[in-house]
PDB file of all heavy atoms in Angstrom:
ATOM      1  N   ALA A   1       3.653   8.044  28.725  1.00  0.00           N
ATOM      2  CA  ALA A   1       2.821   8.257  29.910  1.00  0.00           C
ATOM      3  C   ALA A   1       3.550   9.098  30.959  1.00  0.00           C
ATOM      4  O   ALA A   1       2.999  10.045  31.526  1.00  0.00           O
ATOM      5  CB  ALA A   1       2.403   6.911  30.502  1.00  0.00           C
ATOM      6  N   LEU A   2       4.824   8.762  31.207  1.00  0.00           N
ATOM      7  CA  LEU A   2       5.599   9.527  32.195  1.00  0.00           C
ATOM      8  C   LEU A   2       5.888  10.941  31.698  1.00  0.00           C
ATOM      9  O   LEU A   2       5.873  11.903  32.475  1.00  0.00           O
ATOM     10  CB  LEU A   2       6.913   8.797  32.497  1.00  0.00           C
ATOM     11  CG  LEU A   2       6.791   7.469  33.252  1.00  0.00           C
ATOM     12  CD1 LEU A   2       8.119   6.735  33.262  1.00  0.00           C
ATOM     13  CD2 LEU A   2       6.314   7.719  34.691  1.00  0.00           C
ATOM     14  N   GLY A   3       6.137  11.081  30.397  1.00  0.00           N
ATOM     15  CA  GLY A   3       6.464  12.387  29.851  1.00  0.00           C
ATOM     16  C   GLY A   3       5.305  13.358  29.836  1.00  0.00           C
ATOM     17  O   GLY A   3       5.519  14.582  29.819  1.00  0.00           O
ATOM     18  N   THR A   4       4.071  12.848  29.818  1.00  0.00           N
ATOM     19  CA  THR A   4       2.886  13.719  29.859  1.00  0.00           C
ATOM     20  C   THR A   4       2.216  13.723  31.231  1.00  0.00           C
ATOM     21  O   THR A   4       1.193  14.384  31.418  1.00  0.00           O
ATOM     22  CB  THR A   4       1.858  13.269  28.803  1.00  0.00           C
ATOM     23  OG1 THR A   4       1.532  11.877  29.010  1.00  0.00           O
ATOM     24  CG2 THR A   4       2.406  13.452  27.395  1.00  0.00           C
ATOM     25  N   HIS A   5       2.806  12.998  32.174  1.00  0.00           N
ATOM     26  CA  HIS A   5       2.215  12.908  33.508  1.00  0.00           C
ATOM     27  C   HIS A   5       2.124  14.286  34.170  1.00  0.00           C
ATOM     28  O   HIS A   5       1.164  14.576  34.901  1.00  0.00           O
ATOM     29  CB  HIS A   5       3.048  11.959  34.390  1.00  0.00           C
ATOM     30  CG  HIS A   5       2.342  11.544  35.649  1.00  0.00           C
ATOM     31  ND1 HIS A   5       1.677  10.340  35.770  1.00  0.00           N
ATOM     32  CD2 HIS A   5       2.188  12.172  36.844  1.00  0.00           C
ATOM     33  CE1 HIS A   5       1.160  10.253  36.986  1.00  0.00           C
ATOM     34  NE2 HIS A   5       1.458  11.346  37.656  1.00  0.00           N
ATOM     35  N   ARG A   6       3.110  15.138  33.917  1.00  0.00           N
ATOM     36  CA  ARG A   6       3.135  16.475  34.525  1.00  0.00           C
ATOM     37  C   ARG A   6       1.952  17.334  34.089  1.00  0.00           C
ATOM     38  O   ARG A   6       1.626  18.335  34.736  1.00  0.00           O
ATOM     39  CB  ARG A   6       4.432  17.181  34.155  1.00  0.00           C
ATOM     40  CG  ARG A   6       4.489  17.642  32.698  1.00  0.00           C
ATOM     41  CD  ARG A   6       5.806  18.244  32.317  1.00  0.00           C
ATOM     42  NE  ARG A   6       6.830  17.229  32.176  1.00  0.00           N
ATOM     43  CZ  ARG A   6       8.081  17.480  31.796  1.00  0.00           C
ATOM     44  NH1 ARG A   6       8.463  18.714  31.569  1.00  0.00           N
ATOM     45  NH2 ARG A   6       8.948  16.500  31.666  1.00  0.00           N
ATOM     46  N   ASN A   7       1.314  16.969  32.974  1.00  0.00           N
ATOM     47  CA  ASN A   7       0.187  17.753  32.464  1.00  0.00           C
ATOM     48  C   ASN A   7      -1.128  17.425  33.143  1.00  0.00           C
ATOM     49  O   ASN A   7      -2.132  18.122  32.921  1.00  0.00           O
ATOM     50  CB  ASN A   7       0.032  17.526  30.954  1.00  0.00           C
ATOM     51  CG  ASN A   7       1.236  17.989  30.164  1.00  0.00           C
ATOM     52  OD1 ASN A   7       2.149  17.209  29.921  1.00  0.00           O
ATOM     53  ND2 ASN A   7       1.260  19.250  29.784  1.00  0.00           N
ATOM     54  N   ILE A   8      -1.159  16.385  33.964  1.00  0.00           N
ATOM     55  CA  ILE A   8      -2.417  15.940  34.567  1.00  0.00           C
ATOM     56  C   ILE A   8      -3.163  17.055  35.297  1.00  0.00           C
ATOM     57  O   ILE A   8      -4.381  17.182  35.137  1.00  0.00           O
ATOM     58  CB  ILE A   8      -2.175  14.733  35.501  1.00  0.00           C
ATOM     59  CG1 ILE A   8      -1.778  13.507  34.666  1.00  0.00           C
ATOM     60  CG2 ILE A   8      -3.412  14.424  36.338  1.00  0.00           C
ATOM     61  CD1 ILE A   8      -1.414  12.284  35.489  1.00  0.00           C
ATOM     62  N   PRO A   9      -2.489  17.912  36.079  1.00  0.00           N
ATOM     63  CA  PRO A   9      -3.249  18.969  36.772  1.00  0.00           C
ATOM     64  C   PRO A   9      -3.979  19.925  35.840  1.00  0.00           C
ATOM     65  O   PRO A   9      -4.955  20.568  36.252  1.00  0.00           O
ATOM     66  CB  PRO A   9      -2.161  19.707  37.569  1.00  0.00           C
ATOM     67  CG  PRO A   9      -1.087  18.693  37.778  1.00  0.00           C
ATOM     68  CD  PRO A   9      -1.077  17.878  36.528  1.00  0.00           C
ATOM     69  N   GLN A  10      -3.528  20.054  34.586  1.00  0.00           N
ATOM     70  CA  GLN A  10      -4.182  20.964  33.653  1.00  0.00           C
ATOM     71  C   GLN A  10      -5.220  20.266  32.769  1.00  0.00           C
ATOM     72  O   GLN A  10      -5.892  20.921  31.975  1.00  0.00           O
ATOM     73  CB  GLN A  10      -3.139  21.625  32.732  1.00  0.00           C
ATOM     74  CG  GLN A  10      -2.312  22.707  33.399  1.00  0.00           C
ATOM     75  CD  GLN A  10      -1.226  22.104  34.270  1.00  0.00           C
ATOM     76  OE1 GLN A  10      -0.508  21.206  33.843  1.00  0.00           O
ATOM     77  NE2 GLN A  10      -1.107  22.600  35.500  1.00  0.00           N
ATOM     78  N   LEU A  11      -5.355  18.964  32.888  1.00  0.00           N
ATOM     79  CA  LEU A  11      -6.299  18.232  32.058  1.00  0.00           C
ATOM     80  C   LEU A  11      -7.690  18.248  32.672  1.00  0.00           C
ATOM     81  O   LEU A  11      -7.858  18.525  33.857  1.00  0.00           O
ATOM     82  CB  LEU A  11      -5.823  16.783  31.876  1.00  0.00           C
ATOM     83  CG  LEU A  11      -4.427  16.603  31.273  1.00  0.00           C
ATOM     84  CD1 LEU A  11      -4.095  15.121  31.162  1.00  0.00           C
ATOM     85  CD2 LEU A  11      -4.314  17.288  29.922  1.00  0.00           C
ATOM     86  N   ARG A  12      -8.679  17.955  31.846  1.00  0.00           N
ATOM     87  CA  ARG A  12     -10.055  17.931  32.343  1.00  0.00           C
ATOM     88  C   ARG A  12     -10.281  16.770  33.302  1.00  0.00           C
ATOM     89  O   ARG A  12      -9.682  15.702  33.163  1.00  0.00           O
ATOM     90  CB  ARG A  12     -11.035  17.801  31.170  1.00  0.00           C
ATOM     91  CG  ARG A  12     -11.008  18.963  30.179  1.00  0.00           C
ATOM     92  CD  ARG A  12     -11.476  20.267  30.826  1.00  0.00           C
ATOM     93  NE  ARG A  12     -11.604  21.315  29.830  1.00  0.00           N
ATOM     94  CZ  ARG A  12     -12.766  21.757  29.366  1.00  0.00           C
ATOM     95  NH1 ARG A  12     -13.895  21.230  29.805  1.00  0.00           N
ATOM     96  NH2 ARG A  12     -12.801  22.716  28.465  1.00  0.00           N
ATOM     97  N   GLU A  13     -11.183  16.984  34.221  1.00  0.00           N
ATOM     98  CA  GLU A  13     -11.583  15.920  35.140  1.00  0.00           C
ATOM     99  C   GLU A  13     -12.943  15.396  34.709  1.00  0.00           C
ATOM    100  O   GLU A  13     -13.801  16.161  34.256  1.00  0.00           O
ATOM    101  CB  GLU A  13     -11.655  16.446  36.569  1.00  0.00           C
ATOM    102  CG  GLU A  13     -11.897  15.371  37.619  1.00  0.00           C
ATOM    103  CD  GLU A  13     -11.883  15.958  39.035  1.00  0.00           C
ATOM    104  OE1 GLU A  13     -12.699  16.876  39.276  1.00  0.00           O
ATOM    105  OE2 GLU A  13     -11.076  15.525  39.854  1.00  0.00           O
ATOM    106  N   ALA A  14     -13.150  14.100  34.838  1.00  0.00           N
ATOM    107  CA  ALA A  14     -14.438  13.518  34.467  1.00  0.00           C
ATOM    108  C   ALA A  14     -15.529  14.058  35.382  1.00  0.00           C
ATOM    109  O   ALA A  14     -15.300  14.279  36.575  1.00  0.00           O
ATOM    110  CB  ALA A  14     -14.377  11.997  34.570  1.00  0.00           C
ATOM    111  N   PRO A  15     -16.727  14.292  34.846  1.00  0.00           N
ATOM    112  CA  PRO A  15     -17.825  14.792  35.679  1.00  0.00           C
ATOM    113  C   PRO A  15     -18.260  13.757  36.703  1.00  0.00           C
ATOM    114  O   PRO A  15     -18.119  12.546  36.488  1.00  0.00           O
ATOM    115  CB  PRO A  15     -18.935  15.073  34.665  1.00  0.00           C
ATOM    116  CG  PRO A  15     -18.645  14.135  33.529  1.00  0.00           C
ATOM    117  CD  PRO A  15     -17.147  14.050  33.454  1.00  0.00           C
ATOM    118  N   VAL A  16     -18.793  14.231  37.825  1.00  0.00           N
ATOM    119  CA  VAL A  16     -19.353  13.337  38.827  1.00  0.00           C
ATOM    120  C   VAL A  16     -20.689  12.838  38.308  1.00  0.00           C
ATOM    121  O   VAL A  16     -21.596  13.632  38.017  1.00  0.00           O
ATOM    122  CB  VAL A  16     -19.547  14.053  40.178  1.00  0.00           C
ATOM    123  CG1 VAL A  16     -20.189  13.109  41.184  1.00  0.00           C
ATOM    124  CG2 VAL A  16     -18.211  14.563  40.692  1.00  0.00           C
ATOM    125  N   ASN A  17     -20.805  11.546  38.171  1.00  0.00           N
ATOM    126  CA  ASN A  17     -22.018  10.960  37.580  1.00  0.00           C
ATOM    127  C   ASN A  17     -22.875  10.364  38.694  1.00  0.00           C
ATOM    128  O   ASN A  17     -22.477   9.405  39.348  1.00  0.00           O
ATOM    129  CB  ASN A  17     -21.645   9.877  36.558  1.00  0.00           C
ATOM    130  CG  ASN A  17     -22.814   9.504  35.665  1.00  0.00           C
ATOM    131  OD1 ASN A  17     -23.961   9.778  35.982  1.00  0.00           O
ATOM    132  ND2 ASN A  17     -22.502   8.864  34.544  1.00  0.00           N
ATOM    133  N   THR A  18     -24.039  10.933  38.871  1.00  0.00           N
ATOM    134  CA  THR A  18     -24.945  10.458  39.936  1.00  0.00           C
ATOM    135  C   THR A  18     -26.004   9.500  39.398  1.00  0.00           C
ATOM    136  O   THR A  18     -26.753   8.921  40.173  1.00  0.00           O
ATOM    137  CB  THR A  18     -25.631  11.654  40.612  1.00  0.00           C
ATOM    138  OG1 THR A  18     -26.351  12.400  39.608  1.00  0.00           O
ATOM    139  CG2 THR A  18     -24.617  12.565  41.284  1.00  0.00           C
ATOM    140  N   GLU A  19     -26.055   9.350  38.064  1.00  0.00           N
ATOM    141  CA  GLU A  19     -27.046   8.450  37.481  1.00  0.00           C
ATOM    142  C   GLU A  19     -26.559   7.006  37.533  1.00  0.00           C
ATOM    143  O   GLU A  19     -25.369   6.737  37.488  1.00  0.00           O
ATOM    144  CB  GLU A  19     -27.323   8.830  36.018  1.00  0.00           C
ATOM    145  CG  GLU A  19     -27.899  10.227  35.845  1.00  0.00           C
ATOM    146  CD  GLU A  19     -28.178  10.520  34.381  1.00  0.00           C
ATOM    147  OE1 GLU A  19     -28.659   9.599  33.676  1.00  0.00           O
ATOM    148  OE2 GLU A  19     -27.915  11.644  33.946  1.00  0.00           O
ATOM    149  N   ARG A  20     -27.520   6.084  37.632  1.00  0.00           N
ATOM    150  CA  ARG A  20     -27.184   4.663  37.638  1.00  0.00           C
ATOM    151  C   ARG A  20     -26.691   4.252  36.250  1.00  0.00           C
ATOM    152  O   ARG A  20     -27.241   4.651  35.227  1.00  0.00           O
ATOM    153  CB  ARG A  20     -28.407   3.829  38.017  1.00  0.00           C
ATOM    154  CG  ARG A  20     -28.167   2.318  37.940  1.00  0.00           C
ATOM    155  CD  ARG A  20     -29.398   1.534  38.290  1.00  0.00           C
ATOM    156  NE  ARG A  20     -29.750   1.688  39.698  1.00  0.00           N
ATOM    157  CZ  ARG A  20     -30.771   1.051  40.279  1.00  0.00           C
ATOM    158  NH1 ARG A  20     -31.530   0.236  39.564  1.00  0.00           N
ATOM    159  NH2 ARG A  20     -31.027   1.240  41.549  1.00  0.00           N
ATOM    160  N   PHE A  21     -25.612   3.461  36.247  1.00  0.00           N
ATOM    161  CA  PHE A  21     -25.057   3.006  34.972  1.00  0.00           C
ATOM    162  C   PHE A  21     -26.010   2.029  34.298  1.00  0.00           C
ATOM    163  O   PHE A  21     -26.625   1.176  34.933  1.00  0.00           O
ATOM    164  CB  PHE A  21     -23.708   2.317  35.192  1.00  0.00           C
ATOM    165  CG  PHE A  21     -23.156   1.682  33.946  1.00  0.00           C
ATOM    166  CD1 PHE A  21     -22.483   2.448  33.010  1.00  0.00           C
ATOM    167  CD2 PHE A  21     -23.343   0.325  33.700  1.00  0.00           C
ATOM    168  CE1 PHE A  21     -21.973   1.871  31.848  1.00  0.00           C
ATOM    169  CE2 PHE A  21     -22.850  -0.261  32.545  1.00  0.00           C
ATOM    170  CZ  PHE A  21     -22.157   0.517  31.619  1.00  0.00           C
ATOM    171  N   SER A  22     -26.129   2.165  32.984  1.00  0.00           N
ATOM    172  CA  SER A  22     -26.891   1.208  32.194  1.00  0.00           C
ATOM    173  C   SER A  22     -26.334   1.202  30.778  1.00  0.00           C
ATOM    174  O   SER A  22     -25.795   2.208  30.298  1.00  0.00           O
ATOM    175  CB  SER A  22     -28.382   1.575  32.163  1.00  0.00           C
ATOM    176  OG  SER A  22     -28.595   2.757  31.403  1.00  0.00           O
ATOM    177  N   LEU A  23     -26.451   0.063  30.115  1.00  0.00           N
ATOM    178  CA  LEU A  23     -25.983  -0.024  28.733  1.00  0.00           C
ATOM    179  C   LEU A  23     -26.772   0.916  27.834  1.00  0.00           C
ATOM    180  O   LEU A  23     -26.222   1.482  26.883  1.00  0.00           O
ATOM    181  CB  LEU A  23     -26.116  -1.462  28.230  1.00  0.00           C
ATOM    182  CG  LEU A  23     -25.134  -2.477  28.811  1.00  0.00           C
ATOM    183  CD1 LEU A  23     -25.427  -3.870  28.272  1.00  0.00           C
ATOM    184  CD2 LEU A  23     -23.691  -2.087  28.468  1.00  0.00           C
ATOM    185  N   ARG A  24     -28.046   1.114  28.144  1.00  0.00           N
ATOM    186  CA  ARG A  24     -28.868   2.023  27.337  1.00  0.00           C
ATOM    187  C   ARG A  24     -28.330   3.446  27.424  1.00  0.00           C
ATOM    188  O   ARG A  24     -28.230   4.139  26.417  1.00  0.00           O
ATOM    189  CB  ARG A  24     -30.317   1.972  27.817  1.00  0.00           C
ATOM    190  CG  ARG A  24     -31.252   2.878  27.016  1.00  0.00           C
ATOM    191  CD  ARG A  24     -32.682   2.740  27.505  1.00  0.00           C
ATOM    192  NE  ARG A  24     -33.569   3.607  26.745  1.00  0.00           N
ATOM    193  CZ  ARG A  24     -34.876   3.702  26.962  1.00  0.00           C
ATOM    194  NH1 ARG A  24     -35.451   2.962  27.924  1.00  0.00           N
ATOM    195  NH2 ARG A  24     -35.620   4.526  26.233  1.00  0.00           N
ATOM    196  N   LYS A  25     -27.964   3.859  28.632  1.00  0.00           N
ATOM    197  CA  LYS A  25     -27.401   5.195  28.811  1.00  0.00           C
ATOM    198  C   LYS A  25     -26.051   5.298  28.101  1.00  0.00           C
ATOM    199  O   LYS A  25     -25.756   6.298  27.427  1.00  0.00           O
ATOM    200  CB  LYS A  25     -27.234   5.489  30.309  1.00  0.00           C
ATOM    201  CG  LYS A  25     -26.537   6.819  30.626  1.00  0.00           C
ATOM    202  CD  LYS A  25     -26.471   7.025  32.137  1.00  0.00           C
ATOM    203  CE  LYS A  25     -25.741   8.324  32.463  1.00  0.00           C
ATOM    204  NZ  LYS A  25     -24.325   8.288  32.093  1.00  0.00           N
ATOM    205  N   LEU A  26     -25.216   4.276  28.247  1.00  0.00           N
ATOM    206  CA  LEU A  26     -23.884   4.294  27.653  1.00  0.00           C
ATOM    207  C   LEU A  26     -23.964   4.441  26.138  1.00  0.00           C
ATOM    208  O   LEU A  26     -23.351   5.338  25.547  1.00  0.00           O
ATOM    209  CB  LEU A  26     -23.151   3.003  28.026  1.00  0.00           C
ATOM    210  CG  LEU A  26     -21.692   2.840  27.581  1.00  0.00           C
ATOM    211  CD1 LEU A  26     -20.961   1.913  28.544  1.00  0.00           C
ATOM    212  CD2 LEU A  26     -21.611   2.234  26.174  1.00  0.00           C
ATOM    213  N   PHE A  27     -24.749   3.566  25.511  1.00  0.00           N
ATOM    214  CA  PHE A  27     -24.819   3.608  24.046  1.00  0.00           C
ATOM    215  C   PHE A  27     -25.599   4.815  23.560  1.00  0.00           C
ATOM    216  O   PHE A  27     -25.337   5.328  22.460  1.00  0.00           O
ATOM    217  CB  PHE A  27     -25.429   2.312  23.509  1.00  0.00           C
ATOM    218  CG  PHE A  27     -24.490   1.144  23.564  1.00  0.00           C
ATOM    219  CD1 PHE A  27     -24.640   0.148  24.522  1.00  0.00           C
ATOM    220  CD2 PHE A  27     -23.423   1.045  22.679  1.00  0.00           C
ATOM    221  CE1 PHE A  27     -23.769  -0.925  24.579  1.00  0.00           C
ATOM    222  CE2 PHE A  27     -22.544  -0.020  22.733  1.00  0.00           C
ATOM    223  CZ  PHE A  27     -22.713  -1.014  23.683  1.00  0.00           C
ATOM    224  N   GLY A  28     -26.541   5.290  24.371  1.00  0.00           N
ATOM    225  CA  GLY A  28     -27.275   6.502  24.011  1.00  0.00           C
ATOM    226  C   GLY A  28     -26.353   7.705  23.947  1.00  0.00           C
ATOM    227  O   GLY A  28     -26.419   8.519  23.009  1.00  0.00           O
ATOM    228  N   GLU A  29     -25.467   7.833  24.940  1.00  0.00           N
ATOM    229  CA  GLU A  29     -24.520   8.949  24.955  1.00  0.00           C
ATOM    230  C   GLU A  29     -23.510   8.828  23.826  1.00  0.00           C
ATOM    231  O   GLU A  29     -23.156   9.832  23.188  1.00  0.00           O
ATOM    232  CB  GLU A  29     -23.811   9.011  26.309  1.00  0.00           C
ATOM    233  CG  GLU A  29     -24.700   9.500  27.441  1.00  0.00           C
ATOM    234  CD  GLU A  29     -23.922   9.718  28.725  1.00  0.00           C
ATOM    235  OE1 GLU A  29     -22.678   9.551  28.714  1.00  0.00           O
ATOM    236  OE2 GLU A  29     -24.557  10.042  29.753  1.00  0.00           O
ATOM    237  N   MET A  30     -23.028   7.607  23.563  1.00  0.00           N
ATOM    238  CA  MET A  30     -22.069   7.429  22.467  1.00  0.00           C
ATOM    239  C   MET A  30     -22.716   7.765  21.130  1.00  0.00           C
ATOM    240  O   MET A  30     -22.102   8.418  20.275  1.00  0.00           O
ATOM    241  CB  MET A  30     -21.529   5.995  22.461  1.00  0.00           C
ATOM    242  CG  MET A  30     -20.528   5.710  23.568  1.00  0.00           C
ATOM    243  SD  MET A  30     -19.546   4.205  23.281  1.00  0.00           S
ATOM    244  CE  MET A  30     -20.820   2.970  23.218  1.00  0.00           C
ATOM    245  N   PHE A  31     -23.957   7.332  20.926  1.00  0.00           N
ATOM    246  CA  PHE A  31     -24.642   7.627  19.668  1.00  0.00           C
ATOM    247  C   PHE A  31     -24.854   9.127  19.517  1.00  0.00           C
ATOM    248  O   PHE A  31     -24.670   9.679  18.422  1.00  0.00           O
ATOM    249  CB  PHE A  31     -25.988   6.898  19.628  1.00  0.00           C
ATOM    250  CG  PHE A  31     -26.755   7.151  18.363  1.00  0.00           C
ATOM    251  CD1 PHE A  31     -26.449   6.456  17.199  1.00  0.00           C
ATOM    252  CD2 PHE A  31     -27.782   8.092  18.320  1.00  0.00           C
ATOM    253  CE1 PHE A  31     -27.141   6.696  16.020  1.00  0.00           C
ATOM    254  CE2 PHE A  31     -28.482   8.339  17.149  1.00  0.00           C
ATOM    255  CZ  PHE A  31     -28.160   7.634  15.993  1.00  0.00           C
ATOM    256  N   GLU A  32     -25.225   9.795  20.595  1.00  0.00           N
ATOM    257  CA  GLU A  32     -25.420  11.242  20.530  1.00  0.00           C
ATOM    258  C   GLU A  32     -24.114  11.960  20.185  1.00  0.00           C
ATOM    259  O   GLU A  32     -24.088  12.892  19.378  1.00  0.00           O
ATOM    260  CB  GLU A  32     -25.952  11.766  21.869  1.00  0.00           C
ATOM    261  CG  GLU A  32     -26.267  13.266  21.859  1.00  0.00           C
ATOM    262  CD  GLU A  32     -26.716  13.783  23.216  1.00  0.00           C
ATOM    263  OE1 GLU A  32     -26.455  13.102  24.236  1.00  0.00           O
ATOM    264  OE2 GLU A  32     -27.327  14.863  23.261  1.00  0.00           O
ATOM    265  N   THR A  33     -23.026  11.503  20.783  1.00  0.00           N
ATOM    266  CA  THR A  33     -21.720  12.113  20.511  1.00  0.00           C
ATOM    267  C   THR A  33     -21.304  11.913  19.063  1.00  0.00           C
ATOM    268  O   THR A  33     -20.880  12.846  18.385  1.00  0.00           O
ATOM    269  CB  THR A  33     -20.654  11.508  21.440  1.00  0.00           C
ATOM    270  OG1 THR A  33     -20.979  11.836  22.795  1.00  0.00           O
ATOM    271  CG2 THR A  33     -19.267  12.055  21.104  1.00  0.00           C
ATOM    272  N   LEU A  34     -21.446  10.689  18.577  1.00  0.00           N
ATOM    273  CA  LEU A  34     -20.949  10.355  17.243  1.00  0.00           C
ATOM    274  C   LEU A  34     -21.903  10.754  16.124  1.00  0.00           C
ATOM    275  O   LEU A  34     -21.596  10.549  14.950  1.00  0.00           O
ATOM    276  CB  LEU A  34     -20.651   8.862  17.162  1.00  0.00           C
ATOM    277  CG  LEU A  34     -19.575   8.351  18.128  1.00  0.00           C
ATOM    278  CD1 LEU A  34     -19.373   6.847  17.965  1.00  0.00           C
ATOM    279  CD2 LEU A  34     -18.261   9.080  17.910  1.00  0.00           C
ATOM    280  N   SER A  35     -23.060  11.329  16.473  1.00  0.00           N
ATOM    281  CA  SER A  35     -24.002  11.764  15.439  1.00  0.00           C
ATOM    282  C   SER A  35     -23.612  13.102  14.830  1.00  0.00           C
ATOM    283  O   SER A  35     -24.286  13.592  13.925  1.00  0.00           O
ATOM    284  CB  SER A  35     -25.425  11.858  16.023  1.00  0.00           C
ATOM    285  OG  SER A  35     -25.490  12.842  17.049  1.00  0.00           O
ATOM    286  N   GLU A  36     -22.527  13.691  15.307  1.00  0.00           N
ATOM    287  CA  GLU A  36     -21.998  14.929  14.724  1.00  0.00           C
ATOM    288  C   GLU A  36     -21.719  14.702  13.238  1.00  0.00           C
ATOM    289  O   GLU A  36     -21.002  13.778  12.846  1.00  0.00           O
ATOM    290  CB  GLU A  36     -20.702  15.301  15.445  1.00  0.00           C
ATOM    291  CG  GLU A  36     -20.042  16.539  14.954  1.00  0.00           C
ATOM    292  CD  GLU A  36     -20.459  17.772  15.734  1.00  0.00           C
ATOM    293  OE1 GLU A  36     -21.005  17.622  16.847  1.00  0.00           O
ATOM    294  OE2 GLU A  36     -20.247  18.871  15.231  1.00  0.00           O
ATOM    295  N   LYS A  37     -22.294  15.561  12.377  1.00  0.00           N
ATOM    296  CA  LYS A  37     -22.166  15.373  10.926  1.00  0.00           C
ATOM    297  C   LYS A  37     -20.710  15.438  10.469  1.00  0.00           C
ATOM    298  O   LYS A  37     -20.278  14.654   9.624  1.00  0.00           O
ATOM    299  CB  LYS A  37     -23.012  16.407  10.187  1.00  0.00           C
ATOM    300  CG  LYS A  37     -24.516  16.195  10.333  1.00  0.00           C
ATOM    301  CD  LYS A  37     -25.301  17.207   9.533  1.00  0.00           C
ATOM    302  CE  LYS A  37     -26.806  16.957   9.668  1.00  0.00           C
ATOM    303  NZ  LYS A  37     -27.590  17.966   8.904  1.00  0.00           N
ATOM    304  N   SER A  38     -19.958  16.382  11.007  1.00  0.00           N
ATOM    305  CA  SER A  38     -18.560  16.490  10.600  1.00  0.00           C
ATOM    306  C   SER A  38     -17.765  15.270  11.047  1.00  0.00           C
ATOM    307  O   SER A  38     -16.821  14.858  10.373  1.00  0.00           O
ATOM    308  CB  SER A  38     -17.931  17.771  11.169  1.00  0.00           C
ATOM    309  OG  SER A  38     -18.413  18.904  10.483  1.00  0.00           O
ATOM    310  N   PHE A  39     -18.150  14.682  12.188  1.00  0.00           N
ATOM    311  CA  PHE A  39     -17.467  13.463  12.614  1.00  0.00           C
ATOM    312  C   PHE A  39     -17.747  12.333  11.638  1.00  0.00           C
ATOM    313  O   PHE A  39     -16.840  11.565  11.285  1.00  0.00           O
ATOM    314  CB  PHE A  39     -17.898  13.025  14.016  1.00  0.00           C
ATOM    315  CG  PHE A  39     -17.450  11.626  14.329  1.00  0.00           C
ATOM    316  CD1 PHE A  39     -16.129  11.372  14.640  1.00  0.00           C
ATOM    317  CD2 PHE A  39     -18.334  10.563  14.233  1.00  0.00           C
ATOM    318  CE1 PHE A  39     -15.693  10.067  14.873  1.00  0.00           C
ATOM    319  CE2 PHE A  39     -17.904   9.267  14.461  1.00  0.00           C
ATOM    320  CZ  PHE A  39     -16.585   9.021  14.792  1.00  0.00           C
ATOM    321  N   PHE A  40     -18.981  12.210  11.203  1.00  0.00           N
ATOM    322  CA  PHE A  40     -19.316  11.130  10.269  1.00  0.00           C
ATOM    323  C   PHE A  40     -18.488  11.256   8.993  1.00  0.00           C
ATOM    324  O   PHE A  40     -18.024  10.260   8.436  1.00  0.00           O
ATOM    325  CB  PHE A  40     -20.810  11.152   9.939  1.00  0.00           C
ATOM    326  CG  PHE A  40     -21.247  10.009   9.068  1.00  0.00           C
ATOM    327  CD1 PHE A  40     -21.320   8.719   9.578  1.00  0.00           C
ATOM    328  CD2 PHE A  40     -21.556  10.214   7.728  1.00  0.00           C
ATOM    329  CE1 PHE A  40     -21.701   7.654   8.772  1.00  0.00           C
ATOM    330  CE2 PHE A  40     -21.948   9.162   6.915  1.00  0.00           C
ATOM    331  CZ  PHE A  40     -22.023   7.875   7.441  1.00  0.00           C
ATOM    332  N   ALA A  41     -18.289  12.497   8.538  1.00  0.00           N
ATOM    333  CA  ALA A  41     -17.458  12.722   7.356  1.00  0.00           C
ATOM    334  C   ALA A  41     -16.034  12.225   7.598  1.00  0.00           C
ATOM    335  O   ALA A  41     -15.447  11.551   6.747  1.00  0.00           O
ATOM    336  CB  ALA A  41     -17.449  14.206   6.993  1.00  0.00           C
ATOM    337  N   LEU A  42     -15.472  12.545   8.782  1.00  0.00           N
ATOM    338  CA  LEU A  42     -14.114  12.108   9.098  1.00  0.00           C
ATOM    339  C   LEU A  42     -14.040  10.599   9.285  1.00  0.00           C
ATOM    340  O   LEU A  42     -13.053   9.962   8.900  1.00  0.00           O
ATOM    341  CB  LEU A  42     -13.612  12.805  10.360  1.00  0.00           C
ATOM    342  CG  LEU A  42     -13.279  14.291  10.255  1.00  0.00           C
ATOM    343  CD1 LEU A  42     -12.657  14.773  11.547  1.00  0.00           C
ATOM    344  CD2 LEU A  42     -12.335  14.555   9.096  1.00  0.00           C
ATOM    345  N   PHE A  43     -15.071  10.030   9.884  1.00  0.00           N
ATOM    346  CA  PHE A  43     -15.078   8.584  10.109  1.00  0.00           C
ATOM    347  C   PHE A  43     -15.048   7.835   8.778  1.00  0.00           C
ATOM    348  O   PHE A  43     -14.253   6.910   8.588  1.00  0.00           O
ATOM    349  CB  PHE A  43     -16.317   8.179  10.913  1.00  0.00           C
ATOM    350  CG  PHE A  43     -16.419   6.698  11.154  1.00  0.00           C
ATOM    351  CD1 PHE A  43     -15.692   6.099  12.173  1.00  0.00           C
ATOM    352  CD2 PHE A  43     -17.230   5.899  10.358  1.00  0.00           C
ATOM    353  CE1 PHE A  43     -15.768   4.732  12.394  1.00  0.00           C
ATOM    354  CE2 PHE A  43     -17.320   4.537  10.564  1.00  0.00           C
ATOM    355  CZ  PHE A  43     -16.587   3.948  11.596  1.00  0.00           C
ATOM    356  N   VAL A  44     -15.908   8.252   7.858  1.00  0.00           N
ATOM    357  CA  VAL A  44     -15.948   7.593   6.543  1.00  0.00           C
ATOM    358  C   VAL A  44     -14.624   7.797   5.813  1.00  0.00           C
ATOM    359  O   VAL A  44     -14.071   6.867   5.216  1.00  0.00           O
ATOM    360  CB  VAL A  44     -17.123   8.138   5.701  1.00  0.00           C
ATOM    361  CG1 VAL A  44     -17.060   7.592   4.274  1.00  0.00           C
ATOM    362  CG2 VAL A  44     -18.450   7.771   6.341  1.00  0.00           C
ATOM    363  N   ALA A  45     -14.096   9.026   5.887  1.00  0.00           N
ATOM    364  CA  ALA A  45     -12.822   9.322   5.224  1.00  0.00           C
ATOM    365  C   ALA A  45     -11.691   8.472   5.795  1.00  0.00           C
ATOM    366  O   ALA A  45     -10.885   7.902   5.045  1.00  0.00           O
ATOM    367  CB  ALA A  45     -12.490  10.806   5.366  1.00  0.00           C
ATOM    368  N   THR A  46     -11.628   8.379   7.122  1.00  0.00           N
ATOM    369  CA  THR A  46     -10.574   7.598   7.763  1.00  0.00           C
ATOM    370  C   THR A  46     -10.715   6.116   7.455  1.00  0.00           C
ATOM    371  O   THR A  46      -9.723   5.407   7.235  1.00  0.00           O
ATOM    372  CB  THR A  46     -10.594   7.820   9.288  1.00  0.00           C
ATOM    373  OG1 THR A  46     -10.577   9.211   9.570  1.00  0.00           O
ATOM    374  CG2 THR A  46      -9.394   7.174   9.950  1.00  0.00           C
TER     375      THR A  46
END
């Protein structure tokens, strides 16, 4: 953590989220992300 701390200024920042949090939104976004076909191939392989 300390050794990579210097990289923080070059890392991505999380987007500002103005929508209300909900479990439906959370799992909807995760499902959309993980529906990538190449990811499914890697997931099964791993």
